[in-house]
Protein backbone atom coordinates (compact mmCIF):
# COMPACT_ATOMS: atom_id res chain seq x y z
CA UNK A 1 14.76 -40.33 5.77
CA UNK A 2 11.97 -37.95 6.91
CA UNK A 3 10.99 -40.32 9.73
CA UNK A 4 14.59 -40.57 10.93
CA UNK A 5 14.97 -36.77 10.87
CA UNK A 6 11.71 -36.36 12.80
CA UNK A 7 12.76 -38.96 15.39
CA UNK A 8 16.17 -37.30 15.94
CA UNK A 9 14.59 -33.84 16.30
CA UNK A 10 11.91 -35.07 18.72
CA UNK A 11 14.51 -36.90 20.84
CA UNK A 12 16.56 -33.72 21.04
CA UNK A 13 13.53 -31.60 21.93
CA UNK A 14 12.57 -33.95 24.76
CA UNK A 15 16.01 -34.64 26.23
CA UNK A 16 17.86 -31.31 25.97
CA UNK A 17 15.81 -29.39 28.59
CA UNK A 18 16.61 -32.04 31.20
CA UNK A 19 20.34 -31.40 30.73
CA UNK A 20 20.39 -27.66 31.42
CA UNK A 21 19.76 -25.45 34.40
CA UNK A 22 19.66 -22.05 32.72
CA UNK A 23 17.29 -21.14 29.92
CA UNK A 24 17.14 -17.82 28.07
CA UNK A 25 13.92 -17.25 26.14
CA UNK A 26 13.92 -15.00 23.10
CA UNK A 27 11.69 -13.44 20.46
CA UNK A 28 12.81 -11.80 17.26
CA UNK A 29 12.32 -11.09 13.60
CA UNK A 30 14.30 -11.53 10.44
CA UNK A 31 14.32 -11.07 6.72
CA UNK A 32 16.40 -12.22 3.82
CA UNK A 33 16.59 -13.49 0.26
CA UNK A 34 14.88 -16.77 -0.69
CA UNK A 35 15.07 -18.78 -3.91
CA UNK A 36 12.64 -21.62 -4.65
CA UNK A 37 13.36 -24.10 -7.44
CA UNK A 38 10.24 -24.61 -9.59
CA UNK A 39 10.18 -27.40 -12.17
CA UNK A 40 7.63 -28.73 -14.59
CA UNK A 41 5.83 -26.57 -17.14
CA UNK A 42 7.55 -23.38 -15.92
CA UNK A 43 11.17 -24.34 -15.08
CA UNK A 44 11.83 -21.06 -13.26
CA UNK A 45 13.29 -20.09 -9.92
CA UNK A 46 11.03 -17.96 -7.75
CA UNK A 47 13.06 -15.50 -5.72
CA UNK A 48 12.25 -12.57 -3.46
CA UNK A 49 12.54 -11.31 0.11
CA UNK A 50 11.07 -13.30 2.98
CA UNK A 51 9.97 -11.99 6.37
CA UNK A 52 10.10 -14.03 9.56
CA UNK A 53 8.93 -13.99 13.17
CA UNK A 54 10.63 -16.29 15.68
CA UNK A 55 10.47 -17.40 19.32
CA UNK A 56 12.55 -19.89 21.22
CA UNK A 57 14.94 -20.75 23.99
CA UNK A 58 18.69 -21.00 24.40
CA UNK A 59 19.40 -23.84 26.81
CA UNK A 60 22.75 -23.75 28.54
CA UNK A 61 25.41 -22.35 26.26
CA UNK A 62 25.08 -24.75 23.35
CA UNK A 63 21.46 -25.64 22.51
CA UNK A 64 18.81 -23.52 20.81
CA UNK A 65 15.21 -24.54 20.13
CA UNK A 66 13.19 -22.23 17.92
CA UNK A 67 9.81 -21.91 16.24
CA UNK A 68 9.48 -19.66 13.20
CA UNK A 69 6.83 -18.38 10.83
CA UNK A 70 7.92 -16.84 7.54
CA UNK A 71 6.19 -15.44 4.45
CA UNK A 72 7.38 -14.89 0.88
CA UNK A 73 5.55 -13.72 -2.24
CA UNK A 74 6.89 -13.49 -5.79
CA UNK A 75 5.36 -12.63 -9.17
CA UNK A 76 7.09 -13.35 -12.47
CA UNK A 77 6.42 -13.67 -16.20
CA UNK A 78 7.13 -16.79 -18.24
CA UNK A 79 6.10 -17.21 -21.91
CA UNK A 80 3.69 -14.24 -21.79
CA UNK A 81 1.96 -15.66 -18.71
CA UNK A 82 1.99 -13.95 -15.31
CA UNK A 83 2.68 -16.29 -12.37
CA UNK A 84 2.40 -15.72 -8.64
CA UNK A 85 4.10 -17.86 -5.98
CA UNK A 86 3.17 -17.41 -2.32
CA UNK A 87 4.67 -19.38 0.58
CA UNK A 88 3.99 -19.73 4.32
CA UNK A 89 6.54 -21.67 6.42
CA UNK A 90 6.03 -22.97 9.97
CA UNK A 91 9.26 -24.51 11.27
CA UNK A 92 10.61 -26.08 14.45
CA UNK A 93 14.42 -25.94 14.60
CA UNK A 94 17.26 -27.19 16.74
CA UNK A 95 20.72 -25.58 16.53
CA UNK A 96 23.95 -26.51 18.26
CA UNK A 97 25.88 -23.34 19.20
CA UNK A 98 29.70 -23.44 19.08
CA UNK A 99 31.54 -20.53 20.75
CA UNK A 100 34.13 -18.81 18.56
CA UNK A 101 35.27 -16.24 21.10
CA UNK A 102 36.48 -16.45 24.72
CA UNK A 103 33.62 -14.31 26.04
CA UNK A 104 30.95 -16.39 24.19
CA UNK A 105 29.58 -13.43 22.24
CA UNK A 106 30.35 -14.90 18.81
CA UNK A 107 28.94 -18.34 18.01
CA UNK A 108 28.77 -20.51 14.94
CA UNK A 109 25.74 -22.77 14.72
CA UNK A 110 24.42 -25.68 12.70
CA UNK A 111 21.14 -27.49 13.01
CA UNK A 112 18.07 -29.09 11.53
CA UNK A 113 14.54 -27.84 10.85
CA UNK A 114 11.22 -29.43 10.01
CA UNK A 115 7.63 -28.33 9.79
CA UNK A 116 4.83 -27.41 7.45
CA UNK A 117 4.87 -25.35 4.29
CA UNK A 118 1.96 -23.85 2.41
CA UNK A 119 2.79 -23.14 -1.22
CA UNK A 120 0.33 -21.41 -3.52
CA UNK A 121 1.29 -21.32 -7.18
CA UNK A 122 -1.17 -20.10 -9.81
CA UNK A 123 -4.00 -20.36 -7.31
CA UNK A 124 -3.31 -24.01 -6.43
CA UNK A 125 -2.63 -24.56 -2.72
CA UNK A 126 -0.65 -27.40 -1.23
CA UNK A 127 0.20 -27.89 2.44
CA UNK A 128 3.15 -30.22 2.83
CA UNK A 129 5.93 -31.40 5.13
CA UNK A 130 9.33 -29.74 4.78
CA UNK A 131 12.69 -30.44 6.35
CA UNK A 132 16.27 -29.28 6.02
CA UNK A 133 19.19 -27.67 7.77
CA UNK A 134 20.84 -24.38 8.52
CA UNK A 135 24.21 -22.95 9.52
CA UNK A 136 25.44 -19.49 10.38
CA UNK A 137 26.94 -17.03 12.83
CA UNK A 138 25.32 -15.40 15.85
CA UNK A 139 26.74 -12.36 17.66
CA UNK A 140 25.50 -11.22 21.07
CA UNK A 141 25.34 -7.41 20.82
CA UNK A 142 24.39 -6.81 24.48
CA UNK A 143 23.14 -8.92 27.35
CA UNK A 144 19.66 -8.97 25.77
CA UNK A 145 20.15 -8.39 22.03
CA UNK A 146 21.75 -10.70 19.47
CA UNK A 147 22.02 -10.72 15.68
CA UNK A 148 22.58 -13.61 13.31
CA UNK A 149 23.41 -14.35 9.70
CA UNK A 150 22.33 -17.75 8.38
CA UNK A 151 21.98 -19.97 5.33
CA UNK A 152 19.10 -22.47 5.25
CA UNK A 153 18.18 -25.24 2.83
CA UNK A 154 14.69 -26.81 2.88
CA UNK A 155 13.33 -29.72 0.83
CA UNK A 156 9.78 -29.17 -0.52
CA UNK A 157 7.05 -31.54 -1.78
CA UNK A 158 4.70 -29.25 -3.78
CA UNK A 159 3.37 -31.03 -6.89
CA UNK A 160 0.23 -29.67 -8.60
CA UNK A 161 -0.84 -29.60 -12.25
CA UNK A 162 2.59 -30.24 -13.70
CA UNK A 163 4.41 -27.80 -11.40
CA UNK A 164 6.72 -28.79 -8.55
CA UNK A 165 8.50 -26.71 -5.92
CA UNK A 166 11.63 -28.75 -5.29
CA UNK A 167 13.44 -26.79 -2.58
CA UNK A 168 14.07 -23.43 -0.92
CA UNK A 169 17.42 -21.82 -0.24
CA UNK A 170 17.52 -18.83 2.07
CA UNK A 171 20.12 -16.35 3.29
CA UNK A 172 18.88 -14.16 6.10
CA UNK A 173 19.64 -11.74 8.87
CA UNK A 174 17.73 -11.81 12.18
CA UNK A 175 17.73 -9.93 15.46
CA UNK A 176 16.52 -11.40 18.76
CA UNK A 177 15.70 -10.08 22.21
CA UNK A 178 16.44 -12.38 25.17
CA UNK A 179 14.34 -12.10 28.30
């Protein structure tokens, strides 16, 4: 399934720019709430705020390509033991934008993401592949500024010393500047 997802995303990344004449580049930042499912010896969800930087391009009126970096850190107690979970995410995403208003200012979107994730749990690092999808709403505030609300699900492969990070679920708000 991961190979099929990667092939579909790569095909989209290569072919979409050839279809459009106008491209709007953007940079932005976001933050939100993230919950990671941890199983094994702990059986605890790690949850806290995440922070994100993002760059990308809106191609035509319907296609968005984006690269993001995000960071999350959480500390929690379980059975008198203090745990720390740290995560770095590097994602490439494709979203299809669907206009919800006549003037094109409000858009719904859905898409796929894949990339690398660095999880550190109890001092044990693991760099793995991650993939998933997202959906949300984007509103163009002005000609250059837009804001979005999104939900994202990512599958994880962390497995060290009897602990696994199964997945991440994120709800976030972001603001972008188009230039």
